[in-house]
Amino acid sequence: MSVRRPIIRRAVGDAIPLFIPVIPFALVLGVAITESGIGNLVGWSSSSLIFGGAAQLTVISLLGAGAAVTAAMVAALVVNARHLMYSAALAPVFQAQPRWFRWLGPYFLVDQLFALAMLRSDDDPGDFRTYYLAAGLTFWPLWQLSTAAGLFIGPVVPESWQLGFAVPVMFLGLVVMGINSSSKLAAAAVGAAVTYAFAGLPNRAGLLVGSLVGVVVGALAGRRET
C-alpha cells in the first residue's frame, strides 16, 4: 500500500483542480432540481444513480417540464453518447485489468476522469488502476456533496452571476487539455462546428452528430499524420 500512496496523492491532486469548475455546474443542477417539482431528495439521488452531470441535468430538466420518463431517458443516452468514444479509447487499457475493475471502472468514467486517464494510459496496469480509482473516488463524493449544497445555495444565487456559463467553460477546458496533435485539433474544431450547426435538433441530438463527425475527421487526420 505504501508503494501506491504517491500515485494516490497524485491522482487526488490532479482531480481536485478539475473539479473546481464543476461547482457552478452543481449549483445550476440544484436550481433545476428545486424548480422541477420532482422533490429534492429524489433529484439529489440521481447524482449517484446517473453520476454524469450533463445527463443528470437533462433528465431533471425534461422531467420537470413534463416529459415522459422514456423521453428523458432517451435524451440522457444521447447526451452521454460520447461515453461510447471514451470506452473505445480506453478499451486497450481496460483489457489489461482484472474483471472486477472492468465492471466497476466505467461507473466513474466522467469527462474529467477520462481526460486524466488518457494521460496515464501508458502506465503499468496496477499503477493505472490505482490512479483511476483514486481519482474516481475523489470526484464521486465531491459531486454528491456539491449537488446537495446546490439544492440550498443554487436557488439564492443571483441570476446575474450567469452560472450556466460555467458548463461550456468546463468542457472547453477538458478539450483543450487533451489536444496534443493536429488530428485532435481538427476533430475538436469540426466536431464543435457541426454540433453548433445542428444545435436545433430535438433531444440534443446535435451533440451526437457533432461527436460522430469529429471522430471521423480525427481518424482520417490521424492516418495522414502516420
Protein backbone atom coordinates (compact mmCIF):
# COMPACT_ATOMS: atom_id res chain seq x y z
CA MET A 1 0.00 0.00 0.00
CA SER A 2 2.84 2.38 0.79
CA VAL A 3 4.11 1.95 -2.77
CA ARG A 4 0.74 3.16 -4.07
CA ARG A 5 0.48 6.22 -1.83
CA PRO A 6 2.39 8.57 -4.17
CA ILE A 7 0.09 7.51 -7.02
CA ILE A 8 -2.99 8.12 -4.87
CA ARG A 9 -1.72 11.54 -3.81
CA ARG A 10 -1.01 12.39 -7.45
CA ALA A 11 -4.50 11.29 -8.51
CA VAL A 12 -6.21 13.32 -5.79
CA GLY A 13 -4.01 16.32 -6.57
CA ASP A 14 -4.87 16.08 -10.27
CA ALA A 15 -8.59 15.56 -9.66
CA ILE A 16 -9.34 18.45 -7.31
CA PRO A 17 -8.34 21.29 -9.71
CA LEU A 18 -10.50 19.72 -12.41
CA PHE A 19 -13.44 19.54 -10.04
CA ILE A 20 -13.41 23.22 -9.08
CA PRO A 21 -15.05 24.38 -12.36
CA VAL A 22 -17.76 21.75 -11.76
CA ILE A 23 -19.03 23.50 -8.62
CA PRO A 24 -21.06 26.15 -10.52
CA PHE A 25 -22.50 23.27 -12.56
CA ALA A 26 -23.67 21.66 -9.32
CA LEU A 27 -25.36 24.92 -8.35
CA VAL A 28 -27.15 25.03 -11.71
CA LEU A 29 -28.28 21.46 -11.14
CA GLY A 30 -29.51 22.38 -7.67
CA VAL A 31 -31.68 25.12 -9.17
CA ALA A 32 -33.02 22.69 -11.79
CA ILE A 33 -33.92 20.14 -9.11
CA THR A 34 -35.71 22.64 -6.88
CA GLU A 35 -37.67 24.01 -9.84
CA SER A 36 -38.51 20.63 -11.35
CA GLY A 37 -41.11 19.67 -8.76
CA ILE A 38 -39.87 16.08 -8.51
CA GLY A 39 -38.62 16.53 -4.94
CA ASN A 40 -35.19 17.45 -3.65
CA LEU A 41 -34.35 14.01 -2.28
CA VAL A 42 -35.34 12.23 -5.48
CA GLY A 43 -33.49 14.77 -7.59
CA TRP A 44 -30.36 14.58 -5.47
CA SER A 45 -30.38 10.75 -5.53
CA SER A 46 -29.91 10.93 -9.29
CA SER A 47 -26.38 12.19 -8.58
CA SER A 48 -25.33 8.66 -7.63
CA LEU A 49 -27.66 6.77 -9.97
CA ILE A 50 -26.53 8.62 -13.09
CA PHE A 51 -23.21 10.19 -11.98
CA GLY A 52 -22.93 12.30 -15.08
CA GLY A 53 -23.78 15.98 -14.74
CA ALA A 54 -24.90 16.69 -18.30
CA ALA A 55 -27.15 13.62 -18.49
CA GLN A 56 -28.47 14.26 -14.99
CA LEU A 57 -29.35 17.85 -15.82
CA THR A 58 -31.08 16.68 -19.00
CA VAL A 59 -33.22 14.15 -17.14
CA ILE A 60 -34.14 16.59 -14.37
CA SER A 61 -34.99 19.39 -16.81
CA LEU A 62 -37.13 17.20 -19.05
CA LEU A 63 -39.00 15.55 -16.20
CA GLY A 64 -39.61 18.96 -14.66
CA ALA A 65 -41.03 20.16 -17.98
CA GLY A 66 -43.48 17.27 -18.01
CA ALA A 67 -41.71 14.98 -20.47
CA ALA A 68 -42.29 11.24 -20.31
CA VAL A 69 -39.72 9.15 -18.43
CA THR A 70 -38.86 7.29 -21.63
CA ALA A 71 -38.19 10.54 -23.49
CA ALA A 72 -35.97 11.77 -20.66
CA MET A 73 -34.00 8.53 -20.67
CA VAL A 74 -33.50 8.63 -24.44
CA ALA A 75 -32.30 12.23 -24.27
CA ALA A 76 -29.86 11.32 -21.49
CA LEU A 77 -28.50 8.46 -23.59
CA VAL A 78 -27.96 10.84 -26.50
CA VAL A 79 -26.13 13.31 -24.26
CA ASN A 80 -23.97 10.52 -22.86
CA ALA A 81 -23.25 9.01 -26.28
CA ARG A 82 -19.76 10.48 -26.07
CA HIS A 83 -19.01 7.80 -23.47
CA LEU A 84 -19.03 5.25 -26.28
CA MET A 85 -15.97 7.03 -27.66
CA TYR A 86 -14.43 7.21 -24.21
CA SER A 87 -14.91 3.46 -23.85
CA ALA A 88 -13.37 2.77 -27.25
CA ALA A 89 -10.34 4.91 -26.41
CA LEU A 90 -9.76 3.20 -23.05
CA ALA A 91 -10.62 -0.34 -24.18
CA PRO A 92 -6.96 -1.37 -24.77
CA VAL A 93 -6.06 -0.16 -21.27
CA PHE A 94 -9.01 -1.89 -19.61
CA GLN A 95 -8.23 -5.19 -21.34
CA ALA A 96 -5.13 -5.49 -19.16
CA GLN A 97 -7.20 -5.05 -15.98
CA PRO A 98 -8.96 -7.69 -13.83
CA ARG A 99 -12.61 -8.40 -14.48
CA TRP A 100 -13.88 -6.63 -11.34
CA PHE A 101 -12.21 -3.41 -12.47
CA ARG A 102 -13.66 -3.70 -15.98
CA TRP A 103 -17.12 -3.82 -14.39
CA LEU A 104 -16.57 -1.15 -11.74
CA GLY A 105 -14.34 1.30 -13.61
CA PRO A 106 -16.88 2.57 -16.16
CA TYR A 107 -19.18 3.82 -13.40
CA PHE A 108 -16.63 6.52 -12.50
CA LEU A 109 -15.90 7.47 -16.12
CA VAL A 110 -16.92 11.12 -16.14
CA ASP A 111 -15.36 13.60 -18.55
CA GLN A 112 -12.69 14.76 -16.12
CA LEU A 113 -11.60 11.23 -15.27
CA PHE A 114 -11.38 10.33 -18.95
CA ALA A 115 -9.08 13.29 -19.56
CA LEU A 116 -6.83 12.21 -16.70
CA ALA A 117 -6.95 8.52 -17.61
CA MET A 118 -5.82 9.15 -21.17
CA LEU A 119 -2.75 10.95 -19.85
CA ARG A 120 -1.90 7.82 -17.79
CA SER A 121 -2.82 5.17 -20.38
CA ASP A 122 0.80 4.05 -20.76
CA ASP A 123 1.23 3.37 -17.04
CA ASP A 124 1.71 -0.08 -15.55
CA PRO A 125 -1.75 -1.74 -15.24
CA GLY A 126 -1.56 -1.73 -11.45
CA ASP A 127 -0.46 1.89 -11.30
CA PHE A 128 -3.18 2.90 -13.76
CA ARG A 129 -5.82 1.08 -11.72
CA THR A 130 -4.71 2.80 -8.52
CA TYR A 131 -4.64 6.22 -10.15
CA TYR A 132 -8.00 5.74 -11.86
CA LEU A 133 -9.81 4.58 -8.73
CA ALA A 134 -8.23 7.24 -6.54
CA ALA A 135 -9.28 9.98 -8.94
CA GLY A 136 -12.75 8.49 -9.38
CA LEU A 137 -13.25 8.16 -5.64
CA THR A 138 -12.25 11.83 -5.34
CA PHE A 139 -14.75 13.04 -7.93
CA TRP A 140 -17.66 10.92 -6.63
CA PRO A 141 -18.07 12.25 -3.05
CA LEU A 142 -17.26 15.80 -4.14
CA TRP A 143 -20.06 15.64 -6.70
CA GLN A 144 -22.53 14.25 -4.18
CA LEU A 145 -21.68 16.99 -1.68
CA SER A 146 -21.73 19.74 -4.30
CA THR A 147 -25.10 18.78 -5.72
CA ALA A 148 -26.51 18.56 -2.18
CA ALA A 149 -25.16 22.04 -1.45
CA GLY A 150 -26.58 23.21 -4.77
CA LEU A 151 -30.08 22.45 -3.55
CA PHE A 152 -29.71 25.16 -0.90
CA ILE A 153 -27.21 27.58 -2.44
CA GLY A 154 -28.24 27.46 -6.09
CA PRO A 155 -31.71 28.99 -5.68
CA VAL A 156 -30.37 32.01 -3.78
CA VAL A 157 -27.53 32.82 -6.20
CA PRO A 158 -28.38 35.94 -8.26
CA GLU A 159 -29.21 35.25 -11.92
CA SER A 160 -26.72 37.95 -12.88
CA TRP A 161 -23.92 35.54 -11.98
CA GLN A 162 -24.77 33.50 -15.09
CA LEU A 163 -23.74 30.17 -13.56
CA GLY A 164 -24.86 28.32 -16.67
CA PHE A 165 -21.84 29.72 -18.48
CA ALA A 166 -19.61 27.51 -16.31
CA VAL A 167 -20.82 24.39 -18.09
CA PRO A 168 -19.36 25.10 -21.57
CA VAL A 169 -16.25 26.61 -19.98
CA MET A 170 -15.69 23.38 -18.03
CA PHE A 171 -15.94 21.22 -21.14
CA LEU A 172 -13.80 23.62 -23.14
CA GLY A 173 -11.03 23.29 -20.57
CA LEU A 174 -11.13 19.49 -20.81
CA VAL A 175 -10.97 19.61 -24.59
CA VAL A 176 -8.02 22.00 -24.62
CA MET A 177 -6.15 19.84 -22.11
CA GLY A 178 -6.49 16.80 -24.36
CA ILE A 179 -5.39 18.44 -27.64
CA ASN A 180 -1.79 17.47 -28.30
CA SER A 181 -1.82 16.83 -32.06
CA SER A 182 -3.19 18.34 -35.26
CA SER A 183 -5.62 15.42 -35.71
CA LYS A 184 -7.18 16.04 -32.30
CA LEU A 185 -7.37 19.75 -33.05
CA ALA A 186 -9.15 19.00 -36.33
CA ALA A 187 -11.56 16.62 -34.58
CA ALA A 188 -12.37 19.17 -31.87
CA ALA A 189 -12.84 22.07 -34.30
CA VAL A 190 -15.01 20.19 -36.77
CA GLY A 191 -17.00 18.47 -34.02
CA ALA A 192 -17.73 21.81 -32.37
CA ALA A 193 -18.77 23.41 -35.66
CA VAL A 194 -21.10 20.54 -36.58
CA THR A 195 -22.62 20.48 -33.09
CA TYR A 196 -23.34 24.19 -33.34
CA ALA A 197 -24.83 23.78 -36.82
CA PHE A 198 -27.18 21.03 -35.61
CA ALA A 199 -27.95 22.57 -32.23
CA GLY A 200 -31.63 22.79 -33.13
CA LEU A 201 -32.16 19.03 -33.35
CA PRO A 202 -34.51 17.57 -30.73
CA ASN A 203 -33.22 15.83 -27.60
CA ARG A 204 -29.82 17.48 -28.10
CA ALA A 205 -29.06 15.06 -30.92
CA GLY A 206 -26.71 17.69 -32.34
CA LEU A 207 -24.19 16.59 -29.71
CA LEU A 208 -24.26 13.06 -31.11
CA VAL A 209 -23.95 14.23 -34.72
CA GLY A 210 -21.06 16.54 -33.88
CA SER A 211 -19.30 13.84 -31.87
CA LEU A 212 -19.55 11.27 -34.65
CA VAL A 213 -18.34 13.69 -37.31
CA GLY A 214 -15.48 14.77 -35.05
CA VAL A 215 -14.41 11.15 -34.55
CA VAL A 216 -14.39 10.51 -38.29
CA VAL A 217 -12.40 13.66 -39.00
CA GLY A 218 -9.93 12.85 -36.24
CA ALA A 219 -9.44 9.31 -37.53
CA LEU A 220 -8.83 10.49 -41.10
CA ALA A 221 -6.43 13.21 -39.93
CA GLY A 222 -4.63 10.68 -37.73
CA ARG A 223 -3.99 8.41 -40.71
CA ARG A 224 -2.38 11.28 -42.59
CA GLU A 225 -0.13 12.01 -39.62
CA THR A 226 1.15 8.43 -39.66
